[in-house]
Amino acid sequence: MRQNIGSSAPWEASVGYSRAVRVNNVVHVAGTTATMDGEVVGVGDAYEQTRVILGIIGDALRETGASLEDVVRTRIFVTDISRWEEVGRAHGEVFGTIRPAATMVQVSALIDPQHLVEIEAEAIIP
């Protein structure tokens, strides 16, 4: 069984990807930024962007029948690793008791220069 979940991201159709893909009981959520209705949310604020991103990821997971509690891995891409504590605080507020495997790395750029953070997630539905 394969289920593709789309969103309003302007790049999905042109790049050819889904916000999330569920195959059997495994869900992969694509790299997600703080973009809503075509606008970057939380410009200049890494904490707020992370908070918004995790909300978008949570919504995508719910559409597949999963939840944030089912997340087993996150990959966090930041444009400035010196702001890791802001990103980590927001991640910890959501995943503090769930504690998925997580990686945070600095990248040279994201798709929009206003993006400070991008996050991927993987979940396993029990």
PDB file of N, CA and C in Angstrom:
ATOM      1  N   MET A   1       0.846  -1.184   0.000  1.00  0.00           N
ATOM      2  CA  MET A   1       0.000   0.000   0.000  1.00  0.00           C
ATOM      3  C   MET A   1       0.888   1.243   0.000  1.00  0.00           C
ATOM      4  N   ARG A   2       0.620   2.171  -0.912  1.00  0.00           N
ATOM      5  CA  ARG A   2       1.344   3.438  -0.977  1.00  0.00           C
ATOM      6  C   ARG A   2       0.324   4.563  -0.961  1.00  0.00           C
ATOM      7  N   GLN A   3       0.597   5.571  -0.115  1.00  0.00           N
ATOM      8  CA  GLN A   3      -0.265   6.743  -0.014  1.00  0.00           C
ATOM      9  C   GLN A   3       0.614   7.986  -0.125  1.00  0.00           C
ATOM     10  N   ASN A   4       0.356   8.830  -1.114  1.00  0.00           N
ATOM     11  CA  ASN A   4       1.075  10.089  -1.272  1.00  0.00           C
ATOM     12  C   ASN A   4       0.224  11.219  -0.707  1.00  0.00           C
ATOM     13  N   ILE A   5       0.839  12.070   0.090  1.00  0.00           N
ATOM     14  CA  ILE A   5       0.165  13.218   0.688  1.00  0.00           C
ATOM     15  C   ILE A   5       0.784  14.478   0.100  1.00  0.00           C
ATOM     16  N   GLY A   6      -0.038  15.341  -0.442  1.00  0.00           N
ATOM     17  CA  GLY A   6       0.434  16.609  -0.973  1.00  0.00           C
ATOM     18  C   GLY A   6       0.114  17.741  -0.022  1.00  0.00           C
ATOM     19  N   SER A   7       0.651  18.916  -0.344  1.00  0.00           N
ATOM     20  CA  SER A   7       0.341  20.119   0.433  1.00  0.00           C
ATOM     21  C   SER A   7       0.244  21.283  -0.540  1.00  0.00           C
ATOM     22  N   SER A   8       0.226  22.474  -0.030  1.00  0.00           N
ATOM     23  CA  SER A   8       0.120  23.649  -0.891  1.00  0.00           C
ATOM     24  C   SER A   8       1.487  24.192  -1.301  1.00  0.00           C
ATOM     25  N   ALA A   9       2.560  23.470  -0.994  1.00  0.00           N
ATOM     26  CA  ALA A   9       3.900  23.945  -1.347  1.00  0.00           C
ATOM     27  C   ALA A   9       3.997  24.144  -2.850  1.00  0.00           C
ATOM     28  N   PRO A  10       4.501  25.282  -3.283  1.00  0.00           N
ATOM     29  CA  PRO A  10       4.539  25.566  -4.717  1.00  0.00           C
ATOM     30  C   PRO A  10       5.502  24.684  -5.504  1.00  0.00           C
ATOM     31  N   TRP A  11       6.412  23.997  -4.830  1.00  0.00           N
ATOM     32  CA  TRP A  11       7.436  23.237  -5.524  1.00  0.00           C
ATOM     33  C   TRP A  11       7.057  21.785  -5.788  1.00  0.00           C
ATOM     34  N   GLU A  12       5.999  21.268  -5.152  1.00  0.00           N
ATOM     35  CA  GLU A  12       5.693  19.840  -5.259  1.00  0.00           C
ATOM     36  C   GLU A  12       5.463  19.393  -6.698  1.00  0.00           C
ATOM     37  N   ALA A  13       4.642  20.119  -7.422  1.00  0.00           N
ATOM     38  CA  ALA A  13       4.327  19.703  -8.790  1.00  0.00           C
ATOM     39  C   ALA A  13       5.524  19.868  -9.721  1.00  0.00           C
ATOM     40  N   SER A  14       6.225  20.992  -9.611  1.00  0.00           N
ATOM     41  CA  SER A  14       7.318  21.243 -10.552  1.00  0.00           C
ATOM     42  C   SER A  14       8.534  20.364 -10.280  1.00  0.00           C
ATOM     43  N   VAL A  15       8.771  20.037  -9.015  1.00  0.00           N
ATOM     44  CA  VAL A  15       9.928  19.205  -8.667  1.00  0.00           C
ATOM     45  C   VAL A  15       9.558  17.725  -8.707  1.00  0.00           C
ATOM     46  N   GLY A  16       8.284  17.403  -8.457  1.00  0.00           N
ATOM     47  CA  GLY A  16       7.824  16.022  -8.508  1.00  0.00           C
ATOM     48  C   GLY A  16       8.032  15.280  -7.206  1.00  0.00           C
ATOM     49  N   TYR A  17       7.468  15.788  -6.119  1.00  0.00           N
ATOM     50  CA  TYR A  17       7.577  15.096  -4.836  1.00  0.00           C
ATOM     51  C   TYR A  17       6.296  15.265  -4.041  1.00  0.00           C
ATOM     52  N   SER A  18       6.175  14.510  -2.972  1.00  0.00           N
ATOM     53  CA  SER A  18       5.031  14.577  -2.065  1.00  0.00           C
ATOM     54  C   SER A  18       5.485  15.085  -0.717  1.00  0.00           C
ATOM     55  N   ARG A  19       4.596  15.732   0.014  1.00  0.00           N
ATOM     56  CA  ARG A  19       4.903  16.185   1.373  1.00  0.00           C
ATOM     57  C   ARG A  19       5.243  14.985   2.241  1.00  0.00           C
ATOM     58  N   ALA A  20       4.461  13.905   2.063  1.00  0.00           N
ATOM     59  CA  ALA A  20       4.713  12.674   2.814  1.00  0.00           C
ATOM     60  C   ALA A  20       4.315  11.486   1.955  1.00  0.00           C
ATOM     61  N   VAL A  21       4.967  10.373   2.223  1.00  0.00           N
ATOM     62  CA  VAL A  21       4.635   9.118   1.547  1.00  0.00           C
ATOM     63  C   VAL A  21       4.553   8.034   2.608  1.00  0.00           C
ATOM     64  N   ARG A  22       3.410   7.347   2.611  1.00  0.00           N
ATOM     65  CA  ARG A  22       3.259   6.196   3.505  1.00  0.00           C
ATOM     66  C   ARG A  22       3.284   4.939   2.673  1.00  0.00           C
ATOM     67  N   VAL A  23       4.149   3.991   3.075  1.00  0.00           N
ATOM     68  CA  VAL A  23       4.183   2.662   2.482  1.00  0.00           C
ATOM     69  C   VAL A  23       4.019   1.694   3.642  1.00  0.00           C
ATOM     70  N   ASN A  24       2.909   0.972   3.615  1.00  0.00           N
ATOM     71  CA  ASN A  24       2.539   0.091   4.720  1.00  0.00           C
ATOM     72  C   ASN A  24       2.510   0.895   6.018  1.00  0.00           C
ATOM     73  N   ASN A  25       3.356   0.597   7.003  1.00  0.00           N
ATOM     74  CA  ASN A  25       3.294   1.322   8.271  1.00  0.00           C
ATOM     75  C   ASN A  25       4.439   2.318   8.448  1.00  0.00           C
ATOM     76  N   VAL A  26       5.158   2.621   7.363  1.00  0.00           N
ATOM     77  CA  VAL A  26       6.273   3.561   7.426  1.00  0.00           C
ATOM     78  C   VAL A  26       5.898   4.839   6.676  1.00  0.00           C
ATOM     79  N   VAL A  27       6.173   5.981   7.313  1.00  0.00           N
ATOM     80  CA  VAL A  27       5.876   7.278   6.709  1.00  0.00           C
ATOM     81  C   VAL A  27       7.160   8.081   6.609  1.00  0.00           C
ATOM     82  N   HIS A  28       7.415   8.608   5.417  1.00  0.00           N
ATOM     83  CA  HIS A  28       8.552   9.496   5.184  1.00  0.00           C
ATOM     84  C   HIS A  28       7.985  10.881   4.888  1.00  0.00           C
ATOM     85  N   VAL A  29       8.431  11.876   5.637  1.00  0.00           N
ATOM     86  CA  VAL A  29       8.007  13.253   5.396  1.00  0.00           C
ATOM     87  C   VAL A  29       9.170  13.990   4.749  1.00  0.00           C
ATOM     88  N   ALA A  30       8.894  14.619   3.615  1.00  0.00           N
ATOM     89  CA  ALA A  30       9.912  15.331   2.851  1.00  0.00           C
ATOM     90  C   ALA A  30      10.464  16.508   3.646  1.00  0.00           C
ATOM     91  N   GLY A  31      11.602  17.003   3.197  1.00  0.00           N
ATOM     92  CA  GLY A  31      12.150  18.206   3.788  1.00  0.00           C
ATOM     93  C   GLY A  31      11.088  19.288   3.828  1.00  0.00           C
ATOM     94  N   THR A  32      10.868  19.851   4.993  1.00  0.00           N
ATOM     95  CA  THR A  32       9.770  20.788   5.223  1.00  0.00           C
ATOM     96  C   THR A  32      10.336  22.105   5.742  1.00  0.00           C
ATOM     97  N   THR A  33       9.878  23.193   5.147  1.00  0.00           N
ATOM     98  CA  THR A  33      10.287  24.526   5.585  1.00  0.00           C
ATOM     99  C   THR A  33       9.077  25.265   6.145  1.00  0.00           C
ATOM    100  N   ALA A  34       9.319  26.411   6.714  1.00  0.00           N
ATOM    101  CA  ALA A  34       8.250  27.230   7.298  1.00  0.00           C
ATOM    102  C   ALA A  34       7.607  28.088   6.206  1.00  0.00           C
ATOM    103  N   THR A  35       7.022  27.415   5.232  1.00  0.00           N
ATOM    104  CA  THR A  35       6.340  28.102   4.139  1.00  0.00           C
ATOM    105  C   THR A  35       4.863  27.747   4.198  1.00  0.00           C
ATOM    106  N   MET A  36       4.032  28.773   4.333  1.00  0.00           N
ATOM    107  CA  MET A  36       2.588  28.563   4.372  1.00  0.00           C
ATOM    108  C   MET A  36       1.947  29.531   3.389  1.00  0.00           C
ATOM    109  N   ASP A  37       1.088  28.997   2.531  1.00  0.00           N
ATOM    110  CA  ASP A  37       0.419  29.804   1.501  1.00  0.00           C
ATOM    111  C   ASP A  37       1.431  30.598   0.676  1.00  0.00           C
ATOM    112  N   GLY A  38       2.571  29.970   0.395  1.00  0.00           N
ATOM    113  CA  GLY A  38       3.587  30.583  -0.437  1.00  0.00           C
ATOM    114  C   GLY A  38       4.458  31.623   0.237  1.00  0.00           C
ATOM    115  N   GLU A  39       4.255  31.851   1.530  1.00  0.00           N
ATOM    116  CA  GLU A  39       5.020  32.860   2.275  1.00  0.00           C
ATOM    117  C   GLU A  39       5.848  32.200   3.367  1.00  0.00           C
ATOM    118  N   VAL A  40       7.069  32.683   3.559  1.00  0.00           N
ATOM    119  CA  VAL A  40       7.921  32.187   4.639  1.00  0.00           C
ATOM    120  C   VAL A  40       7.422  32.780   5.958  1.00  0.00           C
ATOM    121  N   VAL A  41       7.202  31.921   6.936  1.00  0.00           N
ATOM    122  CA  VAL A  41       6.744  32.325   8.264  1.00  0.00           C
ATOM    123  C   VAL A  41       7.959  32.389   9.187  1.00  0.00           C
ATOM    124  N   GLY A  42       7.996  33.383  10.066  1.00  0.00           N
ATOM    125  CA  GLY A  42       9.078  33.474  11.036  1.00  0.00           C
ATOM    126  C   GLY A  42      10.390  33.926  10.425  1.00  0.00           C
ATOM    127  N   VAL A  43      10.341  34.850   9.496  1.00  0.00           N
ATOM    128  CA  VAL A  43      11.568  35.340   8.846  1.00  0.00           C
ATOM    129  C   VAL A  43      12.532  35.859   9.915  1.00  0.00           C
ATOM    130  N   GLY A  44      13.746  35.340   9.875  1.00  0.00           N
ATOM    131  CA  GLY A  44      14.772  35.754  10.826  1.00  0.00           C
ATOM    132  C   GLY A  44      14.712  35.064  12.176  1.00  0.00           C
ATOM    133  N   ASP A  45      13.730  34.183  12.404  1.00  0.00           N
ATOM    134  CA  ASP A  45      13.507  33.560  13.716  1.00  0.00           C
ATOM    135  C   ASP A  45      13.574  32.036  13.578  1.00  0.00           C
ATOM    136  N   ALA A  46      14.722  31.457  13.901  1.00  0.00           N
ATOM    137  CA  ALA A  46      14.925  30.013  13.743  1.00  0.00           C
ATOM    138  C   ALA A  46      13.993  29.201  14.636  1.00  0.00           C
ATOM    139  N   TYR A  47      13.732  29.680  15.849  1.00  0.00           N
ATOM    140  CA  TYR A  47      12.811  28.978  16.753  1.00  0.00           C
ATOM    141  C   TYR A  47      11.415  28.913  16.135  1.00  0.00           C
ATOM    142  N   GLU A  48      10.918  30.046  15.680  1.00  0.00           N
ATOM    143  CA  GLU A  48       9.559  30.094  15.116  1.00  0.00           C
ATOM    144  C   GLU A  48       9.469  29.255  13.851  1.00  0.00           C
ATOM    145  N   GLN A  49      10.477  29.320  12.991  1.00  0.00           N
ATOM    146  CA  GLN A  49      10.443  28.487  11.794  1.00  0.00           C
ATOM    147  C   GLN A  49      10.385  27.011  12.162  1.00  0.00           C
ATOM    148  N   THR A  50      11.157  26.601  13.145  1.00  0.00           N
ATOM    149  CA  THR A  50      11.151  25.194  13.572  1.00  0.00           C
ATOM    150  C   THR A  50       9.788  24.810  14.122  1.00  0.00           C
ATOM    151  N   ARG A  51       9.200  25.676  14.928  1.00  0.00           N
ATOM    152  CA  ARG A  51       7.872  25.412  15.501  1.00  0.00           C
ATOM    153  C   ARG A  51       6.839  25.231  14.385  1.00  0.00           C
ATOM    154  N   VAL A  52       6.865  26.112  13.392  1.00  0.00           N
ATOM    155  CA  VAL A  52       5.928  26.035  12.269  1.00  0.00           C
ATOM    156  C   VAL A  52       6.164  24.761  11.460  1.00  0.00           C
ATOM    157  N   ILE A  53       7.414  24.455  11.193  1.00  0.00           N
ATOM    158  CA  ILE A  53       7.766  23.246  10.429  1.00  0.00           C
ATOM    159  C   ILE A  53       7.220  21.996  11.120  1.00  0.00           C
ATOM    160  N   LEU A  54       7.416  21.898  12.417  1.00  0.00           N
ATOM    161  CA  LEU A  54       6.951  20.705  13.130  1.00  0.00           C
ATOM    162  C   LEU A  54       5.431  20.616  13.121  1.00  0.00           C
ATOM    163  N   GLY A  55       4.745  21.749  13.088  1.00  0.00           N
ATOM    164  CA  GLY A  55       3.289  21.743  12.936  1.00  0.00           C
ATOM    165  C   GLY A  55       2.877  21.215  11.568  1.00  0.00           C
ATOM    166  N   ILE A  56       3.582  21.636  10.519  1.00  0.00           N
ATOM    167  CA  ILE A  56       3.298  21.157   9.167  1.00  0.00           C
ATOM    168  C   ILE A  56       3.567  19.653   9.073  1.00  0.00           C
ATOM    169  N   ILE A  57       4.671  19.211   9.668  1.00  0.00           N
ATOM    170  CA  ILE A  57       4.989  17.779   9.680  1.00  0.00           C
ATOM    171  C   ILE A  57       3.908  17.007  10.425  1.00  0.00           C
ATOM    172  N   GLY A  58       3.476  17.509  11.562  1.00  0.00           N
ATOM    173  CA  GLY A  58       2.409  16.859  12.326  1.00  0.00           C
ATOM    174  C   GLY A  58       1.133  16.719  11.516  1.00  0.00           C
ATOM    175  N   ASP A  59       0.766  17.773  10.774  1.00  0.00           N
ATOM    176  CA  ASP A  59      -0.429  17.717   9.927  1.00  0.00           C
ATOM    177  C   ASP A  59      -0.289  16.646   8.847  1.00  0.00           C
ATOM    178  N   ALA A  60       0.885  16.587   8.206  1.00  0.00           N
ATOM    179  CA  ALA A  60       1.109  15.584   7.162  1.00  0.00           C
ATOM    180  C   ALA A  60       1.030  14.173   7.742  1.00  0.00           C
ATOM    181  N   LEU A  61       1.622  13.982   8.910  1.00  0.00           N
ATOM    182  CA  LEU A  61       1.568  12.667   9.551  1.00  0.00           C
ATOM    183  C   LEU A  61       0.132  12.257   9.841  1.00  0.00           C
ATOM    184  N   ARG A  62      -0.662  13.176  10.357  1.00  0.00           N
ATOM    185  CA  ARG A  62      -2.061  12.858  10.670  1.00  0.00           C
ATOM    186  C   ARG A  62      -2.823  12.427   9.417  1.00  0.00           C
ATOM    187  N   GLU A  63      -2.501  13.041   8.273  1.00  0.00           N
ATOM    188  CA  GLU A  63      -3.178  12.653   7.031  1.00  0.00           C
ATOM    189  C   GLU A  63      -2.864  11.217   6.633  1.00  0.00           C
ATOM    190  N   THR A  64      -1.754  10.681   7.099  1.00  0.00           N
ATOM    191  CA  THR A  64      -1.394   9.298   6.774  1.00  0.00           C
ATOM    192  C   THR A  64      -1.859   8.313   7.835  1.00  0.00           C
ATOM    193  N   GLY A  65      -2.418   8.833   8.935  1.00  0.00           N
ATOM    194  CA  GLY A  65      -2.814   7.974  10.040  1.00  0.00           C
ATOM    195  C   GLY A  65      -1.747   7.839  11.104  1.00  0.00           C
ATOM    196  N   ALA A  66      -0.662   8.600  10.972  1.00  0.00           N
ATOM    197  CA  ALA A  66       0.422   8.584  11.962  1.00  0.00           C
ATOM    198  C   ALA A  66       0.307   9.831  12.839  1.00  0.00           C
ATOM    199  N   SER A  67       1.227   9.953  13.780  1.00  0.00           N
ATOM    200  CA  SER A  67       1.268  11.135  14.641  1.00  0.00           C
ATOM    201  C   SER A  67       2.726  11.455  14.965  1.00  0.00           C
ATOM    202  N   LEU A  68       2.942  12.581  15.585  1.00  0.00           N
ATOM    203  CA  LEU A  68       4.297  12.950  15.997  1.00  0.00           C
ATOM    204  C   LEU A  68       4.882  11.917  16.954  1.00  0.00           C
ATOM    205  N   GLU A  69       4.037  11.253  17.727  1.00  0.00           N
ATOM    206  CA  GLU A  69       4.501  10.229  18.662  1.00  0.00           C
ATOM    207  C   GLU A  69       5.093   9.022  17.941  1.00  0.00           C
ATOM    208  N   ASP A  70       4.780   8.853  16.648  1.00  0.00           N
ATOM    209  CA  ASP A  70       5.293   7.730  15.868  1.00  0.00           C
ATOM    210  C   ASP A  70       6.633   8.038  15.195  1.00  0.00           C
ATOM    211  N   VAL A  71       7.122   9.269  15.319  1.00  0.00           N
ATOM    212  CA  VAL A  71       8.363   9.668  14.649  1.00  0.00           C
ATOM    213  C   VAL A  71       9.555   8.964  15.294  1.00  0.00           C
ATOM    214  N   VAL A  72      10.385   8.346  14.452  1.00  0.00           N
ATOM    215  CA  VAL A  72      11.579   7.646  14.928  1.00  0.00           C
ATOM    216  C   VAL A  72      12.870   8.332  14.503  1.00  0.00           C
ATOM    217  N   ARG A  73      12.789   9.269  13.546  1.00  0.00           N
ATOM    218  CA  ARG A  73      13.986   9.977  13.084  1.00  0.00           C
ATOM    219  C   ARG A  73      13.600  11.339  12.541  1.00  0.00           C
ATOM    220  N   THR A  74      14.443  12.332  12.876  1.00  0.00           N
ATOM    221  CA  THR A  74      14.363  13.638  12.228  1.00  0.00           C
ATOM    222  C   THR A  74      15.742  14.001  11.705  1.00  0.00           C
ATOM    223  N   ARG A  75      15.739  14.729  10.602  1.00  0.00           N
ATOM    224  CA  ARG A  75      16.973  15.301  10.047  1.00  0.00           C
ATOM    225  C   ARG A  75      16.733  16.789   9.928  1.00  0.00           C
ATOM    226  N   ILE A  76      17.590  17.554  10.569  1.00  0.00           N
ATOM    227  CA  ILE A  76      17.415  19.000  10.646  1.00  0.00           C
ATOM    228  C   ILE A  76      18.561  19.666   9.898  1.00  0.00           C
ATOM    229  N   PHE A  77      18.200  20.498   8.951  1.00  0.00           N
ATOM    230  CA  PHE A  77      19.179  21.242   8.157  1.00  0.00           C
ATOM    231  C   PHE A  77      19.039  22.719   8.528  1.00  0.00           C
ATOM    232  N   VAL A  78      20.137  23.336   8.936  1.00  0.00           N
ATOM    233  CA  VAL A  78      20.123  24.750   9.322  1.00  0.00           C
ATOM    234  C   VAL A  78      21.155  25.505   8.493  1.00  0.00           C
ATOM    235  N   THR A  79      20.898  26.774   8.275  1.00  0.00           N
ATOM    236  CA  THR A  79      21.852  27.581   7.516  1.00  0.00           C
ATOM    237  C   THR A  79      22.890  28.236   8.417  1.00  0.00           C
ATOM    238  N   ASP A  80      22.670  28.184   9.736  1.00  0.00           N
ATOM    239  CA  ASP A  80      23.629  28.757  10.695  1.00  0.00           C
ATOM    240  C   ASP A  80      23.630  27.891  11.950  1.00  0.00           C
ATOM    241  N   ILE A  81      24.623  27.016  12.072  1.00  0.00           N
ATOM    242  CA  ILE A  81      24.662  26.060  13.185  1.00  0.00           C
ATOM    243  C   ILE A  81      24.810  26.757  14.532  1.00  0.00           C
ATOM    244  N   SER A  82      25.269  27.999  14.543  1.00  0.00           N
ATOM    245  CA  SER A  82      25.393  28.710  15.823  1.00  0.00           C
ATOM    246  C   SER A  82      24.026  28.981  16.439  1.00  0.00           C
ATOM    247  N   ARG A  83      22.946  28.799  15.673  1.00  0.00           N
ATOM    248  CA  ARG A  83      21.579  28.993  16.186  1.00  0.00           C
ATOM    249  C   ARG A  83      20.932  27.660  16.578  1.00  0.00           C
ATOM    250  N   TRP A  84      21.763  26.629  16.796  1.00  0.00           N
ATOM    251  CA  TRP A  84      21.258  25.290  17.083  1.00  0.00           C
ATOM    252  C   TRP A  84      20.363  25.252  18.313  1.00  0.00           C
ATOM    253  N   GLU A  85      20.655  26.097  19.313  1.00  0.00           N
ATOM    254  CA  GLU A  85      19.859  26.049  20.540  1.00  0.00           C
ATOM    255  C   GLU A  85      18.418  26.494  20.300  1.00  0.00           C
ATOM    256  N   GLU A  86      18.200  27.480  19.438  1.00  0.00           N
ATOM    257  CA  GLU A  86      16.841  27.919  19.107  1.00  0.00           C
ATOM    258  C   GLU A  86      16.065  26.786  18.438  1.00  0.00           C
ATOM    259  N   VAL A  87      16.718  26.154  17.483  1.00  0.00           N
ATOM    260  CA  VAL A  87      16.104  25.048  16.755  1.00  0.00           C
ATOM    261  C   VAL A  87      15.883  23.867  17.702  1.00  0.00           C
ATOM    262  N   GLY A  88      16.899  23.560  18.489  1.00  0.00           N
ATOM    263  CA  GLY A  88      16.803  22.445  19.429  1.00  0.00           C
ATOM    264  C   GLY A  88      15.720  22.638  20.475  1.00  0.00           C
ATOM    265  N   ARG A  89      15.524  23.874  20.917  1.00  0.00           N
ATOM    266  CA  ARG A  89      14.476  24.147  21.923  1.00  0.00           C
ATOM    267  C   ARG A  89      13.103  23.823  21.350  1.00  0.00           C
ATOM    268  N   ALA A  90      12.827  24.277  20.123  1.00  0.00           N
ATOM    269  CA  ALA A  90      11.531  23.988  19.506  1.00  0.00           C
ATOM    270  C   ALA A  90      11.364  22.492  19.243  1.00  0.00           C
ATOM    271  N   HIS A  91      12.434  21.844  18.778  1.00  0.00           N
ATOM    272  CA  HIS A  91      12.390  20.395  18.536  1.00  0.00           C
ATOM    273  C   HIS A  91      12.124  19.667  19.853  1.00  0.00           C
ATOM    274  N   GLY A  92      12.788  20.080  20.913  1.00  0.00           N
ATOM    275  CA  GLY A  92      12.614  19.451  22.220  1.00  0.00           C
ATOM    276  C   GLY A  92      11.226  19.641  22.796  1.00  0.00           C
ATOM    277  N   GLU A  93      10.586  20.773  22.506  1.00  0.00           N
ATOM    278  CA  GLU A  93       9.222  20.998  22.994  1.00  0.00           C
ATOM    279  C   GLU A  93       8.249  19.989  22.400  1.00  0.00           C
ATOM    280  N   VAL A  94       8.515  19.545  21.175  1.00  0.00           N
ATOM    281  CA  VAL A  94       7.649  18.560  20.519  1.00  0.00           C
ATOM    282  C   VAL A  94       8.101  17.139  20.826  1.00  0.00           C
ATOM    283  N   PHE A  95       9.406  16.900  20.792  1.00  0.00           N
ATOM    284  CA  PHE A  95       9.918  15.530  20.857  1.00  0.00           C
ATOM    285  C   PHE A  95      10.631  15.189  22.163  1.00  0.00           C
ATOM    286  N   GLY A  96      10.515  16.022  23.186  1.00  0.00           N
ATOM    287  CA  GLY A  96      11.233  15.808  24.443  1.00  0.00           C
ATOM    288  C   GLY A  96      10.997  14.449  25.077  1.00  0.00           C
ATOM    289  N   THR A  97       9.771  13.944  25.017  1.00  0.00           N
ATOM    290  CA  THR A  97       9.494  12.620  25.600  1.00  0.00           C
ATOM    291  C   THR A  97       9.494  11.519  24.542  1.00  0.00           C
ATOM    292  N   ILE A  98       9.364  11.884  23.279  1.00  0.00           N
ATOM    293  CA  ILE A  98       9.347  10.902  22.183  1.00  0.00           C
ATOM    294  C   ILE A  98      10.770  10.484  21.841  1.00  0.00           C
ATOM    295  N   ARG A  99      11.649  11.444  21.780  1.00  0.00           N
ATOM    296  CA  ARG A  99      13.087  11.277  21.588  1.00  0.00           C
ATOM    297  C   ARG A  99      13.472  10.432  20.374  1.00  0.00           C
ATOM    298  N   PRO A 100      13.095  10.898  19.163  1.00  0.00           N
ATOM    299  CA  PRO A 100      13.539  10.179  17.964  1.00  0.00           C
ATOM    300  C   PRO A 100      15.039  10.344  17.769  1.00  0.00           C
ATOM    301  N   ALA A 101      15.626   9.479  16.968  1.00  0.00           N
ATOM    302  CA  ALA A 101      17.002   9.701  16.524  1.00  0.00           C
ATOM    303  C   ALA A 101      16.975  10.998  15.725  1.00  0.00           C
ATOM    304  N   ALA A 102      17.978  11.850  15.935  1.00  0.00           N
ATOM    305  CA  ALA A 102      17.963  13.156  15.274  1.00  0.00           C
ATOM    306  C   ALA A 102      19.362  13.544  14.833  1.00  0.00           C
ATOM    307  N   THR A 103      19.410  14.245  13.720  1.00  0.00           N
ATOM    308  CA  THR A 103      20.654  14.786  13.201  1.00  0.00           C
ATOM    309  C   THR A 103      20.408  16.250  12.867  1.00  0.00           C
ATOM    310  N   MET A 104      21.381  17.113  13.202  1.00  0.00           N
ATOM    311  CA  MET A 104      21.313  18.512  12.803  1.00  0.00           C
ATOM    312  C   MET A 104      22.628  18.864  12.127  1.00  0.00           C
ATOM    313  N   VAL A 105      22.530  19.380  10.910  1.00  0.00           N
ATOM    314  CA  VAL A 105      23.725  19.764  10.164  1.00  0.00           C
ATOM    315  C   VAL A 105      23.523  21.141   9.540  1.00  0.00           C
ATOM    316  N   GLN A 106      24.629  21.829   9.340  1.00  0.00           N
ATOM    317  CA  GLN A 106      24.586  23.110   8.653  1.00  0.00           C
ATOM    318  C   GLN A 106      24.750  22.874   7.155  1.00  0.00           C
ATOM    319  N   VAL A 107      23.941  23.593   6.383  1.00  0.00           N
ATOM    320  CA  VAL A 107      24.033  23.568   4.927  1.00  0.00           C
ATOM    321  C   VAL A 107      24.309  24.985   4.439  1.00  0.00           C
ATOM    322  N   SER A 108      24.810  25.109   3.236  1.00  0.00           N
ATOM    323  CA  SER A 108      25.168  26.438   2.741  1.00  0.00           C
ATOM    324  C   SER A 108      23.951  27.279   2.373  1.00  0.00           C
ATOM    325  N   ALA A 109      22.852  26.645   1.978  1.00  0.00           N
ATOM    326  CA  ALA A 109      21.656  27.395   1.612  1.00  0.00           C
ATOM    327  C   ALA A 109      20.462  26.451   1.537  1.00  0.00           C
ATOM    328  N   LEU A 110      19.268  27.038   1.661  1.00  0.00           N
ATOM    329  CA  LEU A 110      18.024  26.319   1.432  1.00  0.00           C
ATOM    330  C   LEU A 110      17.344  26.974   0.226  1.00  0.00           C
ATOM    331  N   ILE A 111      16.187  26.454  -0.174  1.00  0.00           N
ATOM    332  CA  ILE A 111      15.572  26.868  -1.435  1.00  0.00           C
ATOM    333  C   ILE A 111      15.197  28.353  -1.473  1.00  0.00           C
ATOM    334  N   ASP A 112      14.899  28.937  -0.330  1.00  0.00           N
ATOM    335  CA  ASP A 112      14.600  30.372  -0.236  1.00  0.00           C
ATOM    336  C   ASP A 112      15.582  30.964   0.764  1.00  0.00           C
ATOM    337  N   PRO A 113      16.212  32.072   0.463  1.00  0.00           N
ATOM    338  CA  PRO A 113      17.196  32.650   1.391  1.00  0.00           C
ATOM    339  C   PRO A 113      16.620  33.008   2.762  1.00  0.00           C
ATOM    340  N   GLN A 114      15.292  33.129   2.860  1.00  0.00           N
ATOM    341  CA  GLN A 114      14.663  33.431   4.155  1.00  0.00           C
ATOM    342  C   GLN A 114      14.495  32.186   5.022  1.00  0.00           C
ATOM    343  N   HIS A 115      14.647  31.006   4.429  1.00  0.00           N
ATOM    344  CA  HIS A 115      14.551  29.763   5.203  1.00  0.00           C
ATOM    345  C   HIS A 115      15.816  29.588   6.024  1.00  0.00           C
ATOM    346  N   LEU A 116      15.641  29.378   7.309  1.00  0.00           N
ATOM    347  CA  LEU A 116      16.759  29.115   8.215  1.00  0.00           C
ATOM    348  C   LEU A 116      16.855  27.640   8.568  1.00  0.00           C
ATOM    349  N   VAL A 117      15.749  26.918   8.411  1.00  0.00           N
ATOM    350  CA  VAL A 117      15.637  25.528   8.872  1.00  0.00           C
ATOM    351  C   VAL A 117      14.814  24.723   7.874  1.00  0.00           C
ATOM    352  N   GLU A 118      15.199  23.467   7.678  1.00  0.00           N
ATOM    353  CA  GLU A 118      14.397  22.499   6.934  1.00  0.00           C
ATOM    354  C   GLU A 118      14.494  21.180   7.693  1.00  0.00           C
ATOM    355  N   ILE A 119      13.381  20.471   7.818  1.00  0.00           N
ATOM    356  CA  ILE A 119      13.358  19.235   8.606  1.00  0.00           C
ATOM    357  C   ILE A 119      12.676  18.119   7.821  1.00  0.00           C
ATOM    358  N   GLU A 120      13.283  16.931   7.861  1.00  0.00           N
ATOM    359  CA  GLU A 120      12.679  15.692   7.352  1.00  0.00           C
ATOM    360  C   GLU A 120      12.310  14.846   8.564  1.00  0.00           C
ATOM    361  N   ALA A 121      11.310  13.985   8.392  1.00  0.00           N
ATOM    362  CA  ALA A 121      10.928  13.085   9.482  1.00  0.00           C
ATOM    363  C   ALA A 121      10.549  11.722   8.922  1.00  0.00           C
ATOM    364  N   GLU A 122      10.760  10.709   9.748  1.00  0.00           N
ATOM    365  CA  GLU A 122      10.329   9.359   9.428  1.00  0.00           C
ATOM    366  C   GLU A 122       9.551   8.827  10.620  1.00  0.00           C
ATOM    367  N   ALA A 123       8.434   8.166  10.324  1.00  0.00           N
ATOM    368  CA  ALA A 123       7.610   7.616  11.382  1.00  0.00           C
ATOM    369  C   ALA A 123       7.273   6.165  11.072  1.00  0.00           C
ATOM    370  N   ILE A 124       7.082   5.394  12.120  1.00  0.00           N
ATOM    371  CA  ILE A 124       6.632   4.005  12.000  1.00  0.00           C
ATOM    372  C   ILE A 124       5.356   3.882  12.812  1.00  0.00           C
ATOM    373  N   ILE A 125       4.281   3.492  12.131  1.00  0.00           N
ATOM    374  CA  ILE A 125       2.992   3.343  12.794  1.00  0.00           C
ATOM    375  C   ILE A 125       2.938   1.962  13.415  1.00  0.00           C
ATOM    376  N   PRO A 126       2.710   1.893  14.721  1.00  0.00           N
ATOM    377  CA  PRO A 126       2.691   0.561  15.371  1.00  0.00           C
ATOM    378  C   PRO A 126       1.550  -0.315  14.862  1.00  0.00           C
TER     379      PRO A 126
END
